[in-house]
Amino acid sequence: MYTSYIGKKFLKLYNQKNESNLAARQFFDEVLFPIFFDDEKHLMHVHGSTFFQKVDKKGIVNGKRESLIRVDRLHSDIANKKFSGSTFVGYAAEKIDRVTSGQVSSLNYKIDSEEVYSSWIGEGLSIGVTGGLNLISHEEILWKLFLGWTHYRNFLKQTPGLKSRQIETWNGHWLCHSLSDYFISDEPLEGFIFPTSQKDEEGDLAIPTIGWSKVIFTLAKKFSNQTLTTYVYSLSKTNTTIGFINFYLPEIHHLYELRDRLFLEKSQFILSDKQIQQLSTYYNFKEACKLGTIGLKALEPDKLREFMPPPIGTGKDYKFTDETSYLQFQIYKIWIIAMLNKTELLDLANKIANALWNYEQNNKEGGRGKSTHSQLADEVRNAPYLVKFLDRLDVFMNKHEEGNLPINREDILQIINVPPDRFPLFQTLIKLEYTFLSKQ
């Protein structure tokens, strides 16, 4: 299981930083166990493990703590090679008739205790997001997650009624905080605020799972020139493996670059990093992983398709109602431009939107627009595909006198060169720009 690989990699890093030579069991006993399990509130849940099982009061001798009895049971099971998902985190069920027995292999693969204890370390470094768990082997990420363990333990102690065993969920929040621009290493908890949500009717509180896109955007901001590979999975009564997924962070970081370039002179409308990171996406995490990689396409803003032409969307007109709608407009705009990968197309979309707007405004009678002019402008804005768009644009151009054409030959060539699968995005950009003009 990949949890073991991550655990071993981190242990090597730990020993290098501390000039030590701890084996996996030593690290488990001396570092992980005191933080994770030597308390009635555990940091991590491993289904079916000894830490989830009660201790017979009759078995308590000389006031020995229950946590020590539990860890002794784990050590005994590992020593006796009772390997299952309850001792080897992420491994198969002990018996082949159980629901998680699919990982059982006919190969005579020898498992040693070092690998088993490493799996506990690795799972403690898993990043929980909405839709699954992630294991990333990047050393800086692993180290930052490790430094967050003691803070989670203290947070549990200081927050009565808070659900325990959420280390993966904590890791997601902690990673975003520790990689942020405002993180202060000497005061690591400064500015670290996130909500707790009511879990059930009894009023138990739980740390809400962080949105997957926020983690991706945070990673892109910090590791802007890197492609990170993550192992995506989930552990429960059954184990689910999605596999290795690449995060193309330079592609995603392009959104920040466009933000800085496009809105530099419009400070009143500029999107903050936080506002970008709160982007709600069309795809959930599992659906995004099905795309094969996580890049710009996977981060398609939610509800954008409502304003895209059929058959992809419904062709609705965007509504500006409050500050939030203006911020959402900017997010749509930046994402579309990043996908088109040509900022000149923004200027062209704005040029066409202006031409259509002026055409309607200059052909009004008695405060009411002529239906023929309004209809033609609508047909240009809502053409569902490139050929139809060019046809309506040609009719629109013929309504103008020679020498007073709003669109020139170079503009037409730019439109023709837009890839067919990207044309709906360009068309949507025109619609958004036109709607923005109508509100000015």
Protein backbone atom coordinates (compact mmCIF):
# COMPACT_ATOMS: atom_id res chain seq x y z
CA MET A 1 0.00 0.00 0.00
CA TYR A 2 1.22 3.48 -0.86
CA THR A 3 0.81 4.55 2.78
CA SER A 4 3.93 2.50 3.52
CA TYR A 5 5.93 4.21 0.79
CA ILE A 6 4.97 7.64 2.11
CA GLY A 7 5.73 6.56 5.68
CA LYS A 8 9.18 5.31 4.73
CA LYS A 9 9.97 8.41 2.73
CA PHE A 10 8.95 10.67 5.58
CA LEU A 11 10.90 8.62 8.13
CA LYS A 12 14.05 9.05 6.05
CA LEU A 13 13.40 12.80 5.96
CA TYR A 14 12.75 12.88 9.71
CA ASN A 15 15.99 11.07 10.47
CA GLN A 16 17.95 13.42 8.22
CA LYS A 17 16.54 16.52 9.87
CA ASN A 18 17.02 15.19 13.38
CA GLU A 19 20.30 13.35 12.74
CA SER A 20 18.68 10.21 14.11
CA ASN A 21 18.28 6.63 12.93
CA LEU A 22 14.82 5.64 14.06
CA ALA A 23 13.20 2.55 12.60
CA ALA A 24 9.49 2.67 11.77
CA ARG A 25 8.44 0.99 15.04
CA GLN A 26 10.65 3.34 17.06
CA PHE A 27 9.07 6.35 15.40
CA PHE A 28 5.64 4.87 16.01
CA ASP A 29 6.33 4.33 19.71
CA GLU A 30 8.28 7.51 20.43
CA VAL A 31 6.59 10.07 18.19
CA LEU A 32 3.34 8.96 16.58
CA PHE A 33 1.70 7.00 19.40
CA PRO A 34 2.08 9.73 22.08
CA ILE A 35 0.50 12.31 19.78
CA PHE A 36 -2.14 10.16 18.07
CA PHE A 37 -3.32 7.50 20.50
CA ASP A 38 -2.11 8.08 24.07
CA ASP A 39 -5.31 9.94 24.90
CA GLU A 40 -9.01 9.10 24.96
CA LYS A 41 -9.40 11.26 21.84
CA HIS A 42 -7.47 9.73 18.97
CA LEU A 43 -6.23 11.71 16.00
CA MET A 44 -6.77 8.97 13.41
CA HIS A 45 -9.28 6.23 12.73
CA VAL A 46 -8.16 2.90 11.31
CA HIS A 47 -11.15 0.66 10.72
CA GLY A 48 -11.14 -2.40 12.95
CA SER A 49 -7.88 -1.49 14.68
CA THR A 50 -7.12 -2.13 18.32
CA PHE A 51 -7.45 1.58 19.04
CA PHE A 52 -11.10 1.34 18.05
CA GLN A 53 -11.78 -1.58 20.39
CA LYS A 54 -12.69 -1.53 24.07
CA VAL A 55 -10.36 -2.76 26.79
CA ASP A 56 -11.64 -5.38 29.20
CA LYS A 57 -11.48 -3.76 32.64
CA LYS A 58 -10.44 -7.10 34.10
CA GLY A 59 -7.33 -7.01 31.93
CA ILE A 60 -6.06 -3.78 33.45
CA VAL A 61 -3.13 -4.63 35.75
CA ASN A 62 -1.39 -2.25 38.15
CA GLY A 63 -3.24 0.75 36.78
CA LYS A 64 -1.82 0.36 33.27
CA ARG A 65 -3.39 2.88 30.92
CA GLU A 66 -5.88 1.58 28.38
CA SER A 67 -3.96 3.24 25.56
CA LEU A 68 -0.87 1.18 26.44
CA ILE A 69 -2.89 -2.01 26.48
CA ARG A 70 -4.24 -1.19 23.04
CA VAL A 71 -0.83 -0.47 21.56
CA ASP A 72 0.53 -3.70 23.10
CA ARG A 73 -2.22 -5.59 21.28
CA LEU A 74 -1.20 -3.95 18.01
CA HIS A 75 2.45 -4.84 18.52
CA SER A 76 1.45 -8.43 19.31
CA ASP A 77 -0.68 -8.76 16.18
CA ILE A 78 2.10 -7.38 13.99
CA ALA A 79 4.69 -9.63 15.61
CA ASN A 80 2.42 -12.61 14.93
CA LYS A 81 1.94 -11.45 11.32
CA LYS A 82 -1.79 -10.87 11.62
CA PHE A 83 -1.82 -8.54 8.68
CA SER A 84 -5.07 -6.92 7.63
CA GLY A 85 -6.47 -3.45 7.19
CA SER A 86 -6.71 -3.15 10.97
CA THR A 87 -2.94 -3.53 11.46
CA PHE A 88 -1.54 -2.55 8.05
CA VAL A 89 -3.26 0.70 7.05
CA GLY A 90 -4.81 0.44 3.60
CA TYR A 91 -4.20 -3.29 3.29
CA ALA A 92 -6.80 -5.93 2.46
CA ALA A 93 -9.15 -7.66 4.86
CA GLU A 94 -7.74 -10.59 6.80
CA LYS A 95 -10.11 -13.10 5.19
CA ILE A 96 -10.88 -13.46 1.49
CA ASP A 97 -14.65 -13.45 2.05
CA ARG A 98 -14.60 -9.90 3.45
CA VAL A 99 -15.54 -6.86 1.39
CA THR A 100 -12.02 -5.42 1.25
CA SER A 101 -10.32 -8.66 0.23
CA GLY A 102 -9.78 -7.51 -3.36
CA GLN A 103 -6.20 -6.56 -2.61
CA VAL A 104 -5.27 -10.11 -1.64
CA SER A 105 -2.66 -11.44 -4.06
CA SER A 106 -1.61 -14.95 -4.96
CA LEU A 107 1.97 -13.70 -5.07
CA ASN A 108 4.11 -14.75 -2.15
CA TYR A 109 4.79 -11.17 -1.14
CA LYS A 110 6.58 -10.97 2.17
CA ILE A 111 5.47 -8.20 4.48
CA ASP A 112 7.81 -7.08 7.23
CA SER A 113 6.98 -5.07 10.33
CA GLU A 114 8.87 -2.03 9.03
CA GLU A 115 6.40 -1.75 6.16
CA VAL A 116 3.41 -2.18 8.47
CA TYR A 117 4.44 0.51 10.95
CA SER A 118 5.33 2.81 8.05
CA SER A 119 1.74 2.56 6.82
CA TRP A 120 0.53 4.21 10.05
CA ILE A 121 3.00 7.05 9.54
CA GLY A 122 1.93 7.45 5.92
CA GLU A 123 -1.78 7.59 6.70
CA GLY A 124 -1.07 10.27 9.28
CA LEU A 125 0.28 12.37 6.39
CA SER A 126 -2.76 11.92 4.16
CA ILE A 127 -4.60 15.04 2.97
CA GLY A 128 -8.37 14.90 3.18
CA VAL A 129 -10.45 16.92 0.71
CA THR A 130 -14.08 16.76 -0.35
CA GLY A 131 -14.23 13.53 -2.32
CA GLY A 132 -11.19 11.60 -1.16
CA LEU A 133 -7.74 11.35 0.38
CA ASN A 134 -4.42 12.32 -1.16
CA LEU A 135 -0.87 11.18 -0.50
CA ILE A 136 1.80 13.46 -1.96
CA SER A 137 5.46 12.49 -1.68
CA HIS A 138 6.85 16.05 -1.89
CA GLU A 139 9.20 16.45 1.08
CA GLU A 140 8.26 20.01 2.00
CA ILE A 141 4.58 19.04 2.05
CA LEU A 142 5.24 15.97 4.20
CA TRP A 143 7.24 17.98 6.70
CA LYS A 144 4.64 20.72 7.02
CA LEU A 145 1.92 18.12 7.61
CA PHE A 146 4.01 16.50 10.32
CA LEU A 147 4.50 19.84 12.07
CA GLY A 148 0.74 20.21 12.19
CA TRP A 149 0.19 17.02 14.22
CA THR A 150 0.87 18.55 17.63
CA HIS A 151 -1.31 21.54 16.79
CA TYR A 152 -4.23 19.21 16.04
CA ARG A 153 -3.69 17.44 19.37
CA ASN A 154 -3.77 20.78 21.19
CA PHE A 155 -6.81 21.91 19.20
CA LEU A 156 -8.70 18.80 20.31
CA LYS A 157 -7.81 19.44 23.94
CA GLN A 158 -8.92 23.06 23.74
CA THR A 159 -12.20 22.44 21.89
CA PRO A 160 -14.77 20.58 24.02
CA GLY A 161 -17.26 18.50 22.09
CA LEU A 162 -15.12 18.33 18.97
CA LYS A 163 -15.13 15.07 17.05
CA SER A 164 -11.77 13.28 17.10
CA ARG A 165 -10.06 11.05 14.50
CA GLN A 166 -10.00 13.68 11.74
CA ILE A 167 -6.26 13.93 11.08
CA GLU A 168 -6.71 13.73 7.30
CA THR A 169 -9.30 16.52 7.37
CA TRP A 170 -7.08 18.60 9.65
CA ASN A 171 -4.15 18.05 7.29
CA GLY A 172 -6.06 19.63 4.41
CA HIS A 173 -6.72 22.83 6.38
CA TRP A 174 -3.27 22.90 7.94
CA LEU A 175 -1.51 22.45 4.59
CA CYS A 176 -3.36 25.42 3.07
CA HIS A 177 -2.55 27.53 6.12
CA SER A 178 1.11 26.57 6.35
CA LEU A 179 1.68 27.20 2.63
CA SER A 180 -0.09 30.56 2.63
CA ASP A 181 1.70 33.89 2.24
CA TYR A 182 0.57 35.00 5.70
CA PHE A 183 2.00 31.97 7.55
CA ILE A 184 4.49 32.94 10.28
CA SER A 185 6.77 30.09 11.33
CA ASP A 186 7.43 31.61 14.77
CA GLU A 187 3.69 32.01 15.35
CA PRO A 188 2.25 29.10 13.34
CA LEU A 189 -1.32 29.47 14.59
CA GLU A 190 -1.57 33.17 13.79
CA GLY A 191 -4.48 33.67 11.40
CA PHE A 192 -5.40 29.96 11.42
CA ILE A 193 -9.18 30.16 11.69
CA PHE A 194 -11.65 27.75 10.17
CA PRO A 195 -15.23 26.87 11.08
CA THR A 196 -16.40 23.83 12.96
CA SER A 197 -19.76 22.48 11.92
CA GLN A 198 -22.49 20.79 13.91
CA LYS A 199 -22.22 17.11 13.14
CA ASP A 200 -25.37 15.55 14.52
CA GLU A 201 -28.43 16.01 16.73
CA GLU A 202 -26.31 15.59 19.84
CA GLY A 203 -24.41 18.72 18.96
CA ASP A 204 -21.01 17.15 18.31
CA LEU A 205 -18.72 19.45 16.37
CA ALA A 206 -16.60 18.35 13.45
CA ILE A 207 -13.92 19.95 11.33
CA PRO A 208 -15.51 20.43 7.89
CA THR A 209 -13.65 18.86 5.00
CA ILE A 210 -11.83 21.44 2.91
CA GLY A 211 -12.80 21.91 -0.73
CA TRP A 212 -10.49 20.07 -3.11
CA SER A 213 -10.04 23.08 -5.37
CA LYS A 214 -8.76 25.22 -2.49
CA VAL A 215 -5.96 22.74 -1.87
CA ILE A 216 -5.12 22.66 -5.59
CA PHE A 217 -5.01 26.46 -5.84
CA THR A 218 -2.85 26.68 -2.71
CA LEU A 219 -0.40 24.14 -4.13
CA ALA A 220 -0.33 26.02 -7.44
CA LYS A 221 0.47 29.27 -5.66
CA LYS A 222 3.36 27.71 -3.75
CA PHE A 223 4.74 25.26 -6.33
CA SER A 224 3.97 27.23 -9.47
CA ASN A 225 6.59 25.53 -11.65
CA GLN A 226 5.98 21.95 -10.61
CA THR A 227 3.74 19.06 -11.53
CA LEU A 228 2.85 17.08 -8.40
CA THR A 229 1.70 13.48 -8.48
CA THR A 230 -0.81 12.45 -5.85
CA TYR A 231 -2.22 9.08 -4.92
CA VAL A 232 -6.01 9.38 -4.57
CA TYR A 233 -7.97 6.89 -2.48
CA SER A 234 -10.37 6.48 0.42
CA LEU A 235 -10.44 4.09 3.37
CA SER A 236 -13.61 2.95 5.08
CA LYS A 237 -15.42 -0.36 5.49
CA THR A 238 -14.32 -0.80 1.89
CA ASN A 239 -11.19 0.64 0.30
CA THR A 240 -11.40 2.69 -2.88
CA THR A 241 -8.41 3.42 -5.10
CA ILE A 242 -8.61 6.03 -7.85
CA GLY A 243 -4.88 5.92 -8.55
CA PHE A 244 -2.08 8.34 -9.35
CA ILE A 245 -3.20 11.73 -10.62
CA ASN A 246 -0.96 14.56 -11.83
CA PHE A 247 -1.65 18.10 -10.65
CA TYR A 248 -0.48 20.44 -13.43
CA LEU A 249 0.25 23.40 -11.19
CA PRO A 250 1.93 25.74 -13.75
CA GLU A 251 -1.25 25.60 -15.82
CA ILE A 252 -3.39 26.41 -12.79
CA HIS A 253 -1.02 29.14 -11.60
CA HIS A 254 -1.68 30.89 -14.91
CA LEU A 255 -4.97 32.06 -13.35
CA TYR A 256 -3.05 34.08 -10.77
CA GLU A 257 -0.82 35.52 -13.49
CA LEU A 258 -3.82 36.57 -15.56
CA ARG A 259 -5.44 38.11 -12.49
CA ASP A 260 -2.39 40.26 -11.90
CA ARG A 261 -2.14 41.26 -15.56
CA LEU A 262 -5.79 41.91 -16.39
CA PHE A 263 -7.03 43.60 -13.25
CA LEU A 264 -3.95 45.60 -12.30
CA GLU A 265 -5.58 48.88 -13.33
CA LYS A 266 -8.96 47.96 -11.83
CA SER A 267 -8.03 47.61 -8.17
CA GLN A 268 -11.61 48.03 -7.07
CA PHE A 269 -12.50 44.77 -8.83
CA ILE A 270 -9.31 42.75 -8.30
CA LEU A 271 -9.73 39.18 -7.08
CA SER A 272 -7.79 38.25 -3.98
CA ASP A 273 -5.99 34.91 -3.66
CA LYS A 274 -8.62 33.89 -1.10
CA GLN A 275 -11.46 34.64 -3.50
CA ILE A 276 -9.83 32.58 -6.24
CA GLN A 277 -9.24 29.70 -3.84
CA GLN A 278 -12.90 29.68 -2.84
CA LEU A 279 -13.90 28.89 -6.42
CA SER A 280 -16.80 26.46 -6.58
CA THR A 281 -16.21 23.94 -9.37
CA TYR A 282 -18.43 22.17 -11.88
CA TYR A 283 -16.66 18.87 -11.25
CA ASN A 284 -16.45 17.17 -7.88
CA PHE A 285 -13.08 15.67 -7.01
CA LYS A 286 -13.80 12.14 -8.25
CA GLU A 287 -15.20 13.45 -11.54
CA ALA A 288 -12.17 15.72 -11.92
CA CYS A 289 -9.86 12.75 -11.43
CA LYS A 290 -11.71 10.90 -14.20
CA LEU A 291 -10.38 13.52 -16.60
CA GLY A 292 -7.00 11.84 -16.09
CA THR A 293 -5.19 14.91 -14.78
CA ILE A 294 -6.03 17.95 -12.68
CA GLY A 295 -5.45 21.14 -14.63
CA LEU A 296 -7.46 24.15 -15.74
CA LYS A 297 -10.22 22.05 -17.31
CA ALA A 298 -10.87 20.27 -14.03
CA LEU A 299 -11.33 23.64 -12.32
CA GLU A 300 -14.20 24.76 -14.55
CA PRO A 301 -16.25 27.20 -12.43
CA ASP A 302 -19.60 25.95 -11.26
CA LYS A 303 -22.71 27.21 -13.13
CA LEU A 304 -20.65 28.72 -15.96
CA ARG A 305 -22.39 26.35 -18.38
CA GLU A 306 -25.67 28.11 -17.70
CA PHE A 307 -24.32 31.04 -19.72
CA MET A 308 -22.64 29.01 -22.47
CA PRO A 309 -24.42 28.46 -25.80
CA PRO A 310 -26.33 25.23 -26.49
CA PRO A 311 -25.78 22.34 -26.60
CA ILE A 312 -23.17 22.71 -23.84
CA GLY A 313 -25.21 25.21 -21.83
CA THR A 314 -28.53 26.99 -21.74
CA GLY A 315 -27.42 30.36 -23.10
CA LYS A 316 -28.77 32.41 -20.20
CA ASP A 317 -27.75 36.05 -19.82
CA TYR A 318 -25.56 36.76 -16.82
CA LYS A 319 -27.16 38.87 -14.08
CA PHE A 320 -25.23 41.45 -12.08
CA THR A 321 -26.99 41.85 -8.75
CA ASP A 322 -24.38 42.45 -6.04
CA GLU A 323 -20.65 42.46 -5.31
CA THR A 324 -20.56 38.66 -5.29
CA SER A 325 -21.93 38.52 -8.83
CA TYR A 326 -19.18 40.89 -10.01
CA LEU A 327 -16.53 38.71 -8.39
CA GLN A 328 -18.04 35.60 -9.98
CA PHE A 329 -17.98 37.40 -13.34
CA GLN A 330 -14.25 37.98 -12.93
CA ILE A 331 -13.65 34.33 -12.07
CA TYR A 332 -15.56 33.20 -15.16
CA LYS A 333 -13.63 35.67 -17.27
CA ILE A 334 -10.16 34.71 -16.02
CA TRP A 335 -10.83 30.98 -16.34
CA ILE A 336 -12.11 31.34 -19.91
CA ILE A 337 -9.10 33.44 -20.95
CA ALA A 338 -6.74 30.94 -19.34
CA MET A 339 -8.44 28.11 -21.25
CA LEU A 340 -8.26 30.05 -24.53
CA ASN A 341 -4.60 30.77 -23.68
CA LYS A 342 -4.58 33.95 -25.72
CA THR A 343 -5.21 37.29 -24.05
CA GLU A 344 -5.76 38.92 -27.44
CA LEU A 345 -9.08 37.07 -27.59
CA LEU A 346 -10.26 39.06 -24.57
CA ASP A 347 -9.66 42.28 -26.49
CA LEU A 348 -11.47 40.83 -29.49
CA ALA A 349 -14.43 39.65 -27.38
CA ASN A 350 -14.64 43.11 -25.86
CA LYS A 351 -14.43 44.68 -29.31
CA ILE A 352 -17.30 42.55 -30.65
CA ALA A 353 -19.39 43.14 -27.52
CA ASN A 354 -18.89 46.89 -27.90
CA ALA A 355 -19.82 46.74 -31.58
CA LEU A 356 -23.03 44.85 -30.83
CA TRP A 357 -23.87 47.18 -27.96
CA ASN A 358 -23.30 50.33 -30.03
CA TYR A 359 -25.26 48.84 -32.93
CA GLU A 360 -28.31 48.43 -30.70
CA GLN A 361 -27.90 51.78 -28.96
CA ASN A 362 -27.54 53.70 -32.23
CA ASN A 363 -30.66 52.18 -33.71
CA LYS A 364 -33.29 52.98 -31.14
CA GLU A 365 -36.53 54.81 -31.82
CA GLY A 366 -38.53 56.49 -29.12
CA GLY A 367 -36.55 54.72 -26.42
CA ARG A 368 -37.39 51.33 -27.85
CA GLY A 369 -34.92 49.30 -29.84
CA LYS A 370 -35.89 48.12 -33.31
CA SER A 371 -36.63 44.41 -33.08
CA THR A 372 -34.58 43.63 -36.20
CA HIS A 373 -31.43 45.18 -34.73
CA SER A 374 -31.91 43.58 -31.33
CA GLN A 375 -32.62 40.22 -32.93
CA LEU A 376 -29.48 40.33 -35.08
CA ALA A 377 -27.30 41.28 -32.10
CA ASP A 378 -28.85 38.40 -30.13
CA GLU A 379 -28.18 35.98 -32.99
CA VAL A 380 -24.51 36.96 -33.09
CA ARG A 381 -24.12 36.64 -29.32
CA ASN A 382 -25.95 33.33 -29.08
CA ALA A 383 -24.74 31.50 -32.20
CA PRO A 384 -24.20 27.91 -31.01
CA TYR A 385 -21.23 27.08 -33.24
CA LEU A 386 -18.53 28.80 -35.28
CA VAL A 387 -20.10 28.57 -38.77
CA LYS A 388 -23.38 30.02 -37.54
CA PHE A 389 -21.51 32.75 -35.67
CA LEU A 390 -19.52 33.76 -38.75
CA ASP A 391 -22.70 33.79 -40.84
CA ARG A 392 -24.51 36.10 -38.40
CA LEU A 393 -21.40 38.23 -38.01
CA ASP A 394 -21.23 38.64 -41.78
CA VAL A 395 -24.84 39.89 -41.85
CA PHE A 396 -23.98 42.24 -39.00
CA MET A 397 -20.95 43.60 -40.89
CA ASN A 398 -23.06 44.20 -44.00
CA LYS A 399 -25.22 46.57 -41.96
CA HIS A 400 -22.26 48.95 -41.75
CA GLU A 401 -20.80 51.25 -44.37
CA GLU A 402 -17.50 50.36 -46.00
CA GLY A 403 -14.70 52.04 -44.02
CA ASN A 404 -16.79 52.05 -40.87
CA LEU A 405 -16.62 48.35 -40.13
CA PRO A 406 -16.30 47.52 -36.42
CA ILE A 407 -14.54 44.21 -37.15
CA ASN A 408 -11.63 43.85 -39.59
CA ARG A 409 -10.14 40.95 -41.54
CA GLU A 410 -7.51 40.19 -38.88
CA ASP A 411 -10.27 39.89 -36.31
CA ILE A 412 -12.10 37.35 -38.46
CA LEU A 413 -8.92 35.31 -38.86
CA GLN A 414 -8.45 35.27 -35.09
CA ILE A 415 -11.96 33.92 -34.65
CA ILE A 416 -11.49 31.24 -37.32
CA ASN A 417 -8.28 30.09 -35.59
CA VAL A 418 -10.05 29.48 -32.29
CA PRO A 419 -10.09 25.66 -31.81
CA PRO A 420 -13.63 24.31 -32.35
CA ASP A 421 -13.83 22.88 -28.82
CA ARG A 422 -12.84 26.28 -27.41
CA PHE A 423 -15.23 28.38 -29.49
CA PRO A 424 -18.12 28.07 -26.97
CA LEU A 425 -15.80 29.64 -24.39
CA PHE A 426 -15.00 32.54 -26.71
CA GLN A 427 -18.70 32.99 -27.43
CA THR A 428 -19.46 32.99 -23.71
CA LEU A 429 -16.76 35.61 -23.17
CA ILE A 430 -18.51 37.88 -25.71
CA LYS A 431 -21.83 37.40 -23.90
CA LEU A 432 -20.28 38.20 -20.52
CA GLU A 433 -18.55 41.31 -21.87
CA TYR A 434 -21.78 42.45 -23.54
CA THR A 435 -23.77 42.00 -20.32
CA PHE A 436 -21.11 43.88 -18.35
CA LEU A 437 -21.34 46.79 -20.83
CA SER A 438 -25.12 46.90 -20.50
CA LYS A 439 -24.77 47.44 -16.74
CA GLN A 440 -22.40 50.38 -16.98
